[in-house]
C-alpha atoms as a PDB file:
ATOM      1  CA  MET A   1     -43.166 -32.694 -23.169  1.00  0.00           C
ATOM      2  CA  ASN A   2     -42.946 -31.153 -26.438  1.00  0.00           C
ATOM      3  CA  GLU A   3     -39.611 -29.292 -27.645  1.00  0.00           C
ATOM      4  CA  ARG A   4     -41.235 -25.425 -26.947  1.00  0.00           C
ATOM      5  CA  GLU A   5     -41.932 -26.466 -23.512  1.00  0.00           C
ATOM      6  CA  VAL A   6     -38.103 -27.918 -22.861  1.00  0.00           C
ATOM      7  CA  VAL A   7     -36.327 -25.055 -23.948  1.00  0.00           C
ATOM      8  CA  ALA A   8     -39.538 -22.886 -21.276  1.00  0.00           C
ATOM      9  CA  ASP A   9     -38.460 -24.828 -18.714  1.00  0.00           C
ATOM     10  CA  LEU A  10     -34.906 -24.395 -19.688  1.00  0.00           C
ATOM     11  CA  ILE A  11     -34.803 -20.619 -20.047  1.00  0.00           C
ATOM     12  CA  ARG A  12     -36.829 -20.198 -16.547  1.00  0.00           C
ATOM     13  CA  ILE A  13     -34.303 -22.338 -14.974  1.00  0.00           C
ATOM     14  CA  VAL A  14     -31.419 -20.686 -16.287  1.00  0.00           C
ATOM     15  CA  GLY A  15     -32.679 -17.078 -15.257  1.00  0.00           C
ATOM     16  CA  SER A  16     -33.463 -17.994 -11.745  1.00  0.00           C
ATOM     17  CA  VAL A  17     -30.059 -19.724 -11.456  1.00  0.00           C
ATOM     18  CA  ASN A  18     -28.584 -16.362 -12.595  1.00  0.00           C
ATOM     19  CA  SER A  19     -30.775 -14.318 -10.736  1.00  0.00           C
ATOM     20  CA  ARG A  20     -29.571 -16.477  -7.837  1.00  0.00           C
ATOM     21  CA  VAL A  21     -25.827 -15.858  -8.701  1.00  0.00           C
ATOM     22  CA  SER A  22     -26.424 -11.878  -9.299  1.00  0.00           C
ATOM     23  CA  LYS A  23     -28.024 -11.979  -5.623  1.00  0.00           C
ATOM     24  CA  SER A  24     -24.893 -14.032  -4.662  1.00  0.00           C
ATOM     25  CA  GLU A  25     -22.267 -11.897  -5.943  1.00  0.00           C
ATOM     26  CA  SER A  26     -24.191  -8.881  -4.297  1.00  0.00           C
ATOM     27  CA  ASP A  27     -23.931 -10.550  -1.131  1.00  0.00           C
ATOM     28  CA  LEU A  28     -20.069 -11.476  -1.480  1.00  0.00           C
ATOM     29  CA  ARG A  29     -19.337  -7.762  -2.597  1.00  0.00           C
ATOM     30  CA  LYS A  30     -20.877  -6.715   0.866  1.00  0.00           C
ATOM     31  CA  ILE A  31     -19.392  -9.151   2.655  1.00  0.00           C
ATOM     32  CA  GLU A  32     -16.484  -7.977   1.181  1.00  0.00           C
ATOM     33  CA  GLN A  33     -17.135  -4.403   2.012  1.00  0.00           C
ATOM     34  CA  THR A  34     -17.485  -5.550   5.870  1.00  0.00           C
ATOM     35  CA  LEU A  35     -14.304  -7.374   5.853  1.00  0.00           C
ATOM     36  CA  GLN A  36     -12.419  -4.592   4.634  1.00  0.00           C
ATOM     37  CA  ILE A  37     -13.995  -2.052   7.206  1.00  0.00           C
ATOM     38  CA  LEU A  38     -13.113  -4.722   9.456  1.00  0.00           C
ATOM     39  CA  ILE A  39      -9.546  -4.793   8.721  1.00  0.00           C
ATOM     40  CA  LYS A  40      -9.295  -1.035   8.820  1.00  0.00           C
ATOM     41  CA  GLU A  41     -10.805  -0.856  12.193  1.00  0.00           C
ATOM     42  CA  LEU A  42      -8.242  -3.603  13.708  1.00  0.00           C
ATOM     43  CA  SER A  43      -5.524  -1.948  12.229  1.00  0.00           C
ATOM     44  CA  ASN A  44      -6.479   1.319  13.697  1.00  0.00           C
ATOM     45  CA  MET A  45      -6.856  -0.450  17.152  1.00  0.00           C
ATOM     46  CA  LYS A  46      -3.374  -2.248  16.759  1.00  0.00           C
ATOM     47  CA  GLU A  47      -1.899   1.371  16.581  1.00  0.00           C
ATOM     48  CA  LEU A  48      -3.689   2.447  19.185  1.00  0.00           C
ATOM     49  CA  GLN A  49      -2.810  -0.115  21.255  1.00  0.00           C
ATOM     50  CA  TYR A  50       1.100   0.325  19.849  1.00  0.00           C
ATOM     51  CA  GLN A  51       0.626   3.882  21.291  1.00  0.00           C
ATOM     52  CA  LEU A  52      -0.856   3.316  24.336  1.00  0.00           C
ATOM     53  CA  CYS A  53       2.255   0.490  24.983  1.00  0.00           C
ATOM     54  CA  GLU A  54       4.655   3.692  23.713  1.00  0.00           C
ATOM     55  CA  GLN A  55       2.711   6.088  26.219  1.00  0.00           C
ATOM     56  CA  THR A  56       2.847   3.608  29.299  1.00  0.00           C
ATOM     57  CA  TYR A  57       6.922   2.974  28.550  1.00  0.00           C
ATOM     58  CA  GLN A  58       7.998   6.634  28.632  1.00  0.00           C
ATOM     59  CA  LEU A  59       5.512   6.945  31.908  1.00  0.00           C
ATOM     60  CA  HIS A  60       7.792   4.424  33.504  1.00  0.00           C
ATOM     61  CA  GLU A  61      11.025   5.365  32.345  1.00  0.00           C
ATOM     62  CA  HIS A  62      10.505   8.848  33.807  1.00  0.00           C
END
């Protein structure tokens, strides 16, 4: 292998790695967005559960 071939191989390798890193970053952003949605939904569910408990308690008081 001559110097040009080595440099060309390195450029291809770096390009390939760069492409995979970009895809990984995109995938991580999607995962982060999904986790944020799940956290919000869990928070909403906890709030609903609290409200139901409050209503149940009030019903039993009367």
